[in-house]
Amino acid sequence: MARSYWLVNSNRSRVKRFIENTNNKDQFFNYMFIDSGKVTSTWGKEPPLMTTREELKREEAREEWEKLIAQGWRRTEEIWIKKKG
């Protein structure tokens, strides 16, 4: 499974997940999915409701990441995964 990278907005109401498209058939470009979602419960208790997905070339996804960081979004971990044990 591809590793995912997460951003959260400043008031923790929206998230974005950046994940490599491992099923990409393009020989020349790598693509990333950017999934957007909204937090519907107390932060970290339930997973966000994912609402949209877009696919961008890796370089375009990197530019989107940098734009969001400049707007105040911050990197976060996927803390809502239930831990085993």
PDB file of N, CA and C in Angstrom:
ATOM      1  N   MET A   1       0.845  -1.190   0.000  1.00  0.00           N
ATOM      2  CA  MET A   1       0.000   0.000   0.000  1.00  0.00           C
ATOM      3  C   MET A   1       0.882   1.242   0.000  1.00  0.00           C
ATOM      4  N   ALA A   2       0.486   2.216  -0.772  1.00  0.00           N
ATOM      5  CA  ALA A   2       1.262   3.453  -0.885  1.00  0.00           C
ATOM      6  C   ALA A   2       1.154   4.269   0.402  1.00  0.00           C
ATOM      7  N   ARG A   3       2.217   4.937   0.743  1.00  0.00           N
ATOM      8  CA  ARG A   3       2.207   5.791   1.925  1.00  0.00           C
ATOM      9  C   ARG A   3       1.407   7.057   1.628  1.00  0.00           C
ATOM     10  N   SER A   4       0.684   7.523   2.627  1.00  0.00           N
ATOM     11  CA  SER A   4      -0.116   8.734   2.443  1.00  0.00           C
ATOM     12  C   SER A   4       0.449   9.862   3.292  1.00  0.00           C
ATOM     13  N   TYR A   5       0.214  11.071   2.839  1.00  0.00           N
ATOM     14  CA  TYR A   5       0.667  12.291   3.517  1.00  0.00           C
ATOM     15  C   TYR A   5      -0.558  13.167   3.719  1.00  0.00           C
ATOM     16  N   TRP A   6      -0.716  13.682   4.933  1.00  0.00           N
ATOM     17  CA  TRP A   6      -1.932  14.392   5.317  1.00  0.00           C
ATOM     18  C   TRP A   6      -1.654  15.829   5.686  1.00  0.00           C
ATOM     19  N   LEU A   7      -2.590  16.696   5.321  1.00  0.00           N
ATOM     20  CA  LEU A   7      -2.595  18.090   5.757  1.00  0.00           C
ATOM     21  C   LEU A   7      -3.930  18.372   6.433  1.00  0.00           C
ATOM     22  N   VAL A   8      -3.900  19.298   7.408  1.00  0.00           N
ATOM     23  CA  VAL A   8      -5.121  19.727   8.079  1.00  0.00           C
ATOM     24  C   VAL A   8      -5.128  21.243   8.106  1.00  0.00           C
ATOM     25  N   ASN A   9      -6.312  21.840   7.975  1.00  0.00           N
ATOM     26  CA  ASN A   9      -6.378  23.304   8.004  1.00  0.00           C
ATOM     27  C   ASN A   9      -6.248  23.797   9.439  1.00  0.00           C
ATOM     28  N   SER A  10      -6.144  25.099   9.613  1.00  0.00           N
ATOM     29  CA  SER A  10      -5.819  25.680  10.920  1.00  0.00           C
ATOM     30  C   SER A  10      -6.869  25.423  11.990  1.00  0.00           C
ATOM     31  N   ASN A  11      -8.137  25.291  11.624  1.00  0.00           N
ATOM     32  CA  ASN A  11      -9.152  25.037  12.653  1.00  0.00           C
ATOM     33  C   ASN A  11      -9.570  23.561  12.710  1.00  0.00           C
ATOM     34  N   ARG A  12      -8.799  22.718  12.055  1.00  0.00           N
ATOM     35  CA  ARG A  12      -8.984  21.262  12.084  1.00  0.00           C
ATOM     36  C   ARG A  12     -10.375  20.817  11.648  1.00  0.00           C
ATOM     37  N   SER A  13     -10.905  21.486  10.642  1.00  0.00           N
ATOM     38  CA  SER A  13     -12.217  21.104  10.127  1.00  0.00           C
ATOM     39  C   SER A  13     -12.129  20.431   8.759  1.00  0.00           C
ATOM     40  N   ARG A  14     -10.982  20.565   8.072  1.00  0.00           N
ATOM     41  CA  ARG A  14     -10.794  19.984   6.739  1.00  0.00           C
ATOM     42  C   ARG A  14      -9.446  19.276   6.689  1.00  0.00           C
ATOM     43  N   VAL A  15      -9.384  18.211   5.918  1.00  0.00           N
ATOM     44  CA  VAL A  15      -8.137  17.480   5.720  1.00  0.00           C
ATOM     45  C   VAL A  15      -7.943  17.202   4.241  1.00  0.00           C
ATOM     46  N   LYS A  16      -6.692  16.975   3.879  1.00  0.00           N
ATOM     47  CA  LYS A  16      -6.352  16.527   2.528  1.00  0.00           C
ATOM     48  C   LYS A  16      -5.331  15.411   2.663  1.00  0.00           C
ATOM     49  N   ARG A  17      -5.550  14.357   1.876  1.00  0.00           N
ATOM     50  CA  ARG A  17      -4.612  13.228   1.842  1.00  0.00           C
ATOM     51  C   ARG A  17      -3.969  13.174   0.459  1.00  0.00           C
ATOM     52  N   PHE A  18      -2.667  13.114   0.432  1.00  0.00           N
ATOM     53  CA  PHE A  18      -1.898  12.975  -0.791  1.00  0.00           C
ATOM     54  C   PHE A  18      -1.356  11.553  -0.814  1.00  0.00           C
ATOM     55  N   ILE A  19      -1.661  10.822  -1.877  1.00  0.00           N
ATOM     56  CA  ILE A  19      -1.230   9.428  -1.964  1.00  0.00           C
ATOM     57  C   ILE A  19      -0.899   9.089  -3.412  1.00  0.00           C
ATOM     58  N   GLU A  20       0.182   8.348  -3.599  1.00  0.00           N
ATOM     59  CA  GLU A  20       0.619   7.990  -4.942  1.00  0.00           C
ATOM     60  C   GLU A  20      -0.374   7.037  -5.586  1.00  0.00           C
ATOM     61  N   ASN A  21      -0.629   7.234  -6.873  1.00  0.00           N
ATOM     62  CA  ASN A  21      -1.456   6.319  -7.647  1.00  0.00           C
ATOM     63  C   ASN A  21      -0.561   5.158  -8.082  1.00  0.00           C
ATOM     64  N   THR A  22      -0.657   4.049  -7.373  1.00  0.00           N
ATOM     65  CA  THR A  22       0.212   2.905  -7.670  1.00  0.00           C
ATOM     66  C   THR A  22      -0.272   2.101  -8.873  1.00  0.00           C
ATOM     67  N   ASN A  23      -1.465   2.399  -9.383  1.00  0.00           N
ATOM     68  CA  ASN A  23      -1.993   1.712 -10.560  1.00  0.00           C
ATOM     69  C   ASN A  23      -1.821   2.527 -11.831  1.00  0.00           C
ATOM     70  N   ASN A  24      -0.979   3.531 -11.779  1.00  0.00           N
ATOM     71  CA  ASN A  24      -0.746   4.412 -12.906  1.00  0.00           C
ATOM     72  C   ASN A  24      -0.144   3.648 -14.082  1.00  0.00           C
ATOM     73  N   LYS A  25      -0.717   3.823 -15.258  1.00  0.00           N
ATOM     74  CA  LYS A  25      -0.229   3.140 -16.468  1.00  0.00           C
ATOM     75  C   LYS A  25       0.634   4.051 -17.349  1.00  0.00           C
ATOM     76  N   ASP A  26       0.720   5.326 -16.992  1.00  0.00           N
ATOM     77  CA  ASP A  26       1.498   6.291 -17.773  1.00  0.00           C
ATOM     78  C   ASP A  26       2.988   5.992 -17.622  1.00  0.00           C
ATOM     79  N   GLN A  27       3.695   5.865 -18.720  1.00  0.00           N
ATOM     80  CA  GLN A  27       5.117   5.552 -18.695  1.00  0.00           C
ATOM     81  C   GLN A  27       5.985   6.778 -18.441  1.00  0.00           C
ATOM     82  N   PHE A  28       5.427   7.962 -18.576  1.00  0.00           N
ATOM     83  CA  PHE A  28       6.240   9.169 -18.521  1.00  0.00           C
ATOM     84  C   PHE A  28       6.035   9.990 -17.256  1.00  0.00           C
ATOM     85  N   PHE A  29       4.868   9.886 -16.626  1.00  0.00           N
ATOM     86  CA  PHE A  29       4.565  10.710 -15.455  1.00  0.00           C
ATOM     87  C   PHE A  29       4.047   9.849 -14.317  1.00  0.00           C
ATOM     88  N   ASN A  30       4.376  10.262 -13.105  1.00  0.00           N
ATOM     89  CA  ASN A  30       3.791   9.661 -11.909  1.00  0.00           C
ATOM     90  C   ASN A  30       2.649  10.561 -11.458  1.00  0.00           C
ATOM     91  N   TYR A  31       1.607   9.949 -10.944  1.00  0.00           N
ATOM     92  CA  TYR A  31       0.423  10.694 -10.524  1.00  0.00           C
ATOM     93  C   TYR A  31       0.154  10.489  -9.035  1.00  0.00           C
ATOM     94  N   MET A  32      -0.481  11.485  -8.440  1.00  0.00           N
ATOM     95  CA  MET A  32      -0.894  11.439  -7.045  1.00  0.00           C
ATOM     96  C   MET A  32      -2.397  11.680  -6.987  1.00  0.00           C
ATOM     97  N   PHE A  33      -3.052  11.014  -6.037  1.00  0.00           N
ATOM     98  CA  PHE A  33      -4.429  11.343  -5.712  1.00  0.00           C
ATOM     99  C   PHE A  33      -4.405  12.356  -4.575  1.00  0.00           C
ATOM    100  N   ILE A  34      -5.297  13.328  -4.641  1.00  0.00           N
ATOM    101  CA  ILE A  34      -5.506  14.243  -3.525  1.00  0.00           C
ATOM    102  C   ILE A  34      -6.968  14.076  -3.112  1.00  0.00           C
ATOM    103  N   ASP A  35      -7.142  13.493  -1.925  1.00  0.00           N
ATOM    104  CA  ASP A  35      -8.471  13.288  -1.367  1.00  0.00           C
ATOM    105  C   ASP A  35      -8.749  14.405  -0.381  1.00  0.00           C
ATOM    106  N   SER A  36      -9.923  14.995  -0.459  1.00  0.00           N
ATOM    107  CA  SER A  36     -10.331  16.064   0.454  1.00  0.00           C
ATOM    108  C   SER A  36     -11.457  15.568   1.330  1.00  0.00           C
ATOM    109  N   GLY A  37     -11.446  16.010   2.577  1.00  0.00           N
ATOM    110  CA  GLY A  37     -12.496  15.584   3.481  1.00  0.00           C
ATOM    111  C   GLY A  37     -12.757  16.607   4.563  1.00  0.00           C
ATOM    112  N   LYS A  38     -13.845  16.358   5.304  1.00  0.00           N
ATOM    113  CA  LYS A  38     -14.166  17.244   6.409  1.00  0.00           C
ATOM    114  C   LYS A  38     -14.257  16.436   7.693  1.00  0.00           C
ATOM    115  N   VAL A  39     -13.788  17.050   8.768  1.00  0.00           N
ATOM    116  CA  VAL A  39     -13.809  16.418  10.075  1.00  0.00           C
ATOM    117  C   VAL A  39     -15.218  16.584  10.627  1.00  0.00           C
ATOM    118  N   THR A  40     -15.848  15.471  10.999  1.00  0.00           N
ATOM    119  CA  THR A  40     -17.245  15.520  11.429  1.00  0.00           C
ATOM    120  C   THR A  40     -17.420  15.216  12.915  1.00  0.00           C
ATOM    121  N   SER A  41     -16.311  14.956  13.625  1.00  0.00           N
ATOM    122  CA  SER A  41     -16.396  14.656  15.055  1.00  0.00           C
ATOM    123  C   SER A  41     -15.225  15.334  15.764  1.00  0.00           C
ATOM    124  N   THR A  42     -15.092  15.068  17.035  1.00  0.00           N
ATOM    125  CA  THR A  42     -13.939  15.586  17.780  1.00  0.00           C
ATOM    126  C   THR A  42     -12.673  15.097  17.103  1.00  0.00           C
ATOM    127  N   TRP A  43     -11.689  15.974  16.979  1.00  0.00           N
ATOM    128  CA  TRP A  43     -10.448  15.660  16.266  1.00  0.00           C
ATOM    129  C   TRP A  43      -9.843  14.355  16.775  1.00  0.00           C
ATOM    130  N   GLY A  44      -9.638  13.417  15.873  1.00  0.00           N
ATOM    131  CA  GLY A  44      -8.969  12.173  16.181  1.00  0.00           C
ATOM    132  C   GLY A  44      -9.868  11.026  16.605  1.00  0.00           C
ATOM    133  N   LYS A  45     -11.131  11.290  16.892  1.00  0.00           N
ATOM    134  CA  LYS A  45     -12.018  10.212  17.363  1.00  0.00           C
ATOM    135  C   LYS A  45     -12.575   9.379  16.211  1.00  0.00           C
ATOM    136  N   GLU A  46     -12.975  10.011  15.146  1.00  0.00           N
ATOM    137  CA  GLU A  46     -13.530   9.323  13.988  1.00  0.00           C
ATOM    138  C   GLU A  46     -12.800   9.796  12.737  1.00  0.00           C
ATOM    139  N   PRO A  47     -12.719   8.942  11.719  1.00  0.00           N
ATOM    140  CA  PRO A  47     -12.086   9.386  10.473  1.00  0.00           C
ATOM    141  C   PRO A  47     -12.893  10.502   9.824  1.00  0.00           C
ATOM    142  N   PRO A  48     -12.224  11.361   9.074  1.00  0.00           N
ATOM    143  CA  PRO A  48     -12.955  12.418   8.369  1.00  0.00           C
ATOM    144  C   PRO A  48     -13.820  11.831   7.261  1.00  0.00           C
ATOM    145  N   LEU A  49     -14.836  12.564   6.886  1.00  0.00           N
ATOM    146  CA  LEU A  49     -15.696  12.184   5.777  1.00  0.00           C
ATOM    147  C   LEU A  49     -15.019  12.669   4.497  1.00  0.00           C
ATOM    148  N   MET A  50     -14.515  11.735   3.702  1.00  0.00           N
ATOM    149  CA  MET A  50     -13.822  12.099   2.476  1.00  0.00           C
ATOM    150  C   MET A  50     -14.865  12.430   1.409  1.00  0.00           C
ATOM    151  N   THR A  51     -14.706  13.591   0.781  1.00  0.00           N
ATOM    152  CA  THR A  51     -15.741  14.094  -0.110  1.00  0.00           C
ATOM    153  C   THR A  51     -15.336  14.148  -1.573  1.00  0.00           C
ATOM    154  N   THR A  52     -14.073  14.380  -1.869  1.00  0.00           N
ATOM    155  CA  THR A  52     -13.653  14.482  -3.270  1.00  0.00           C
ATOM    156  C   THR A  52     -12.286  13.845  -3.467  1.00  0.00           C
ATOM    157  N   ARG A  53     -12.012  13.474  -4.702  1.00  0.00           N
ATOM    158  CA  ARG A  53     -10.702  12.944  -5.086  1.00  0.00           C
ATOM    159  C   ARG A  53     -10.343  13.536  -6.440  1.00  0.00           C
ATOM    160  N   GLU A  54      -9.106  13.997  -6.526  1.00  0.00           N
ATOM    161  CA  GLU A  54      -8.593  14.443  -7.824  1.00  0.00           C
ATOM    162  C   GLU A  54      -7.248  13.783  -8.056  1.00  0.00           C
ATOM    163  N   GLU A  55      -6.884  13.642  -9.312  1.00  0.00           N
ATOM    164  CA  GLU A  55      -5.617  13.031  -9.682  1.00  0.00           C
ATOM    165  C   GLU A  55      -4.783  14.073 -10.416  1.00  0.00           C
ATOM    166  N   LEU A  56      -3.569  14.281  -9.923  1.00  0.00           N
ATOM    167  CA  LEU A  56      -2.668  15.262 -10.526  1.00  0.00           C
ATOM    168  C   LEU A  56      -1.309  14.617 -10.782  1.00  0.00           C
ATOM    169  N   LYS A  57      -0.591  15.170 -11.744  1.00  0.00           N
ATOM    170  CA  LYS A  57       0.796  14.756 -11.911  1.00  0.00           C
ATOM    171  C   LYS A  57       1.538  15.090 -10.623  1.00  0.00           C
ATOM    172  N   ARG A  58       2.560  14.310 -10.326  1.00  0.00           N
ATOM    173  CA  ARG A  58       3.276  14.464  -9.057  1.00  0.00           C
ATOM    174  C   ARG A  58       3.753  15.904  -8.838  1.00  0.00           C
ATOM    175  N   GLU A  59       4.288  16.538  -9.849  1.00  0.00           N
ATOM    176  CA  GLU A  59       4.783  17.910  -9.702  1.00  0.00           C
ATOM    177  C   GLU A  59       3.637  18.882  -9.397  1.00  0.00           C
ATOM    178  N   GLU A  60       2.496  18.695 -10.039  1.00  0.00           N
ATOM    179  CA  GLU A  60       1.335  19.546  -9.750  1.00  0.00           C
ATOM    180  C   GLU A  60       0.832  19.316  -8.324  1.00  0.00           C
ATOM    181  N   ALA A  61       0.874  18.066  -7.866  1.00  0.00           N
ATOM    182  CA  ALA A  61       0.473  17.764  -6.485  1.00  0.00           C
ATOM    183  C   ALA A  61       1.422  18.435  -5.497  1.00  0.00           C
ATOM    184  N   ARG A  62       2.705  18.439  -5.806  1.00  0.00           N
ATOM    185  CA  ARG A  62       3.688  19.105  -4.949  1.00  0.00           C
ATOM    186  C   ARG A  62       3.404  20.606  -4.874  1.00  0.00           C
ATOM    187  N   GLU A  63       3.051  21.207  -5.997  1.00  0.00           N
ATOM    188  CA  GLU A  63       2.705  22.632  -6.010  1.00  0.00           C
ATOM    189  C   GLU A  63       1.453  22.895  -5.170  1.00  0.00           C
ATOM    190  N   GLU A  64       0.467  22.011  -5.238  1.00  0.00           N
ATOM    191  CA  GLU A  64      -0.749  22.147  -4.436  1.00  0.00           C
ATOM    192  C   GLU A  64      -0.413  22.036  -2.949  1.00  0.00           C
ATOM    193  N   TRP A  65       0.443  21.099  -2.576  1.00  0.00           N
ATOM    194  CA  TRP A  65       0.890  20.936  -1.188  1.00  0.00           C
ATOM    195  C   TRP A  65       1.518  22.242  -0.687  1.00  0.00           C
ATOM    196  N   GLU A  66       2.441  22.784  -1.468  1.00  0.00           N
ATOM    197  CA  GLU A  66       3.132  24.016  -1.074  1.00  0.00           C
ATOM    198  C   GLU A  66       2.171  25.195  -0.965  1.00  0.00           C
ATOM    199  N   LYS A  67       1.191  25.263  -1.855  1.00  0.00           N
ATOM    200  CA  LYS A  67       0.184  26.325  -1.794  1.00  0.00           C
ATOM    201  C   LYS A  67      -0.628  26.220  -0.509  1.00  0.00           C
ATOM    202  N   LEU A  68      -1.038  25.015  -0.150  1.00  0.00           N
ATOM    203  CA  LEU A  68      -1.812  24.815   1.077  1.00  0.00           C
ATOM    204  C   LEU A  68      -0.988  25.156   2.316  1.00  0.00           C
ATOM    205  N   ILE A  69       0.271  24.776   2.336  1.00  0.00           N
ATOM    206  CA  ILE A  69       1.156  25.119   3.458  1.00  0.00           C
ATOM    207  C   ILE A  69       1.242  26.641   3.595  1.00  0.00           C
ATOM    208  N   ALA A  70       1.371  27.347   2.485  1.00  0.00           N
ATOM    209  CA  ALA A  70       1.442  28.814   2.506  1.00  0.00           C
ATOM    210  C   ALA A  70       0.137  29.427   3.020  1.00  0.00           C
ATOM    211  N   GLN A  71      -0.982  28.717   2.878  1.00  0.00           N
ATOM    212  CA  GLN A  71      -2.282  29.203   3.346  1.00  0.00           C
ATOM    213  C   GLN A  71      -2.537  28.851   4.810  1.00  0.00           C
ATOM    214  N   GLY A  72      -1.598  28.184   5.459  1.00  0.00           N
ATOM    215  CA  GLY A  72      -1.754  27.870   6.873  1.00  0.00           C
ATOM    216  C   GLY A  72      -2.080  26.420   7.196  1.00  0.00           C
ATOM    217  N   TRP A  73      -2.206  25.576   6.191  1.00  0.00           N
ATOM    218  CA  TRP A  73      -2.423  24.157   6.451  1.00  0.00           C
ATOM    219  C   TRP A  73      -1.146  23.579   7.048  1.00  0.00           C
ATOM    220  N   ARG A  74      -1.276  22.541   7.870  1.00  0.00           N
ATOM    221  CA  ARG A  74      -0.132  21.914   8.526  1.00  0.00           C
ATOM    222  C   ARG A  74      -0.171  20.412   8.325  1.00  0.00           C
ATOM    223  N   ARG A  75       1.017  19.839   8.313  1.00  0.00           N
ATOM    224  CA  ARG A  75       1.124  18.392   8.174  1.00  0.00           C
ATOM    225  C   ARG A  75       0.598  17.724   9.438  1.00  0.00           C
ATOM    226  N   THR A  76      -0.061  16.591   9.272  1.00  0.00           N
ATOM    227  CA  THR A  76      -0.576  15.824  10.410  1.00  0.00           C
ATOM    228  C   THR A  76      -0.434  14.345  10.103  1.00  0.00           C
ATOM    229  N   GLU A  77      -0.601  13.558  11.125  1.00  0.00           N
ATOM    230  CA  GLU A  77      -0.606  12.109  10.970  1.00  0.00           C
ATOM    231  C   GLU A  77      -2.051  11.621  10.882  1.00  0.00           C
ATOM    232  N   GLU A  78      -2.222  10.422  10.416  1.00  0.00           N
ATOM    233  CA  GLU A  78      -3.545   9.819  10.321  1.00  0.00           C
ATOM    234  C   GLU A  78      -3.875   9.219  11.691  1.00  0.00           C
ATOM    235  N   ILE A  79      -4.293  10.069  12.627  1.00  0.00           N
ATOM    236  CA  ILE A  79      -4.432   9.653  14.022  1.00  0.00           C
ATOM    237  C   ILE A  79      -5.698   8.872  14.315  1.00  0.00           C
ATOM    238  N   TRP A  80      -6.639   8.820  13.387  1.00  0.00           N
ATOM    239  CA  TRP A  80      -7.930   8.173  13.656  1.00  0.00           C
ATOM    240  C   TRP A  80      -7.929   6.691  13.326  1.00  0.00           C
ATOM    241  N   ILE A  81      -6.809   6.147  12.855  1.00  0.00           N
ATOM    242  CA  ILE A  81      -6.746   4.702  12.592  1.00  0.00           C
ATOM    243  C   ILE A  81      -6.797   3.984  13.933  1.00  0.00           C
ATOM    244  N   LYS A  82      -7.659   2.991  14.005  1.00  0.00           N
ATOM    245  CA  LYS A  82      -7.740   2.211  15.242  1.00  0.00           C
ATOM    246  C   LYS A  82      -6.492   1.356  15.364  1.00  0.00           C
ATOM    247  N   LYS A  83      -5.849   1.466  16.497  1.00  0.00           N
ATOM    248  CA  LYS A  83      -4.635   0.705  16.737  1.00  0.00           C
ATOM    249  C   LYS A  83      -4.982  -0.712  17.199  1.00  0.00           C
ATOM    250  N   LYS A  84      -4.218  -1.694  16.720  1.00  0.00           N
ATOM    251  CA  LYS A  84      -4.456  -3.083  17.111  1.00  0.00           C
ATOM    252  C   LYS A  84      -3.939  -3.300  18.526  1.00  0.00           C
ATOM    253  N   GLY A  85      -4.635  -4.191  19.252  1.00  0.00           N
ATOM    254  CA  GLY A  85      -4.162  -4.560  20.582  1.00  0.00           C
ATOM    255  C   GLY A  85      -4.896  -3.861  21.589  1.00  0.00           C
TER     256      GLY A  85
END
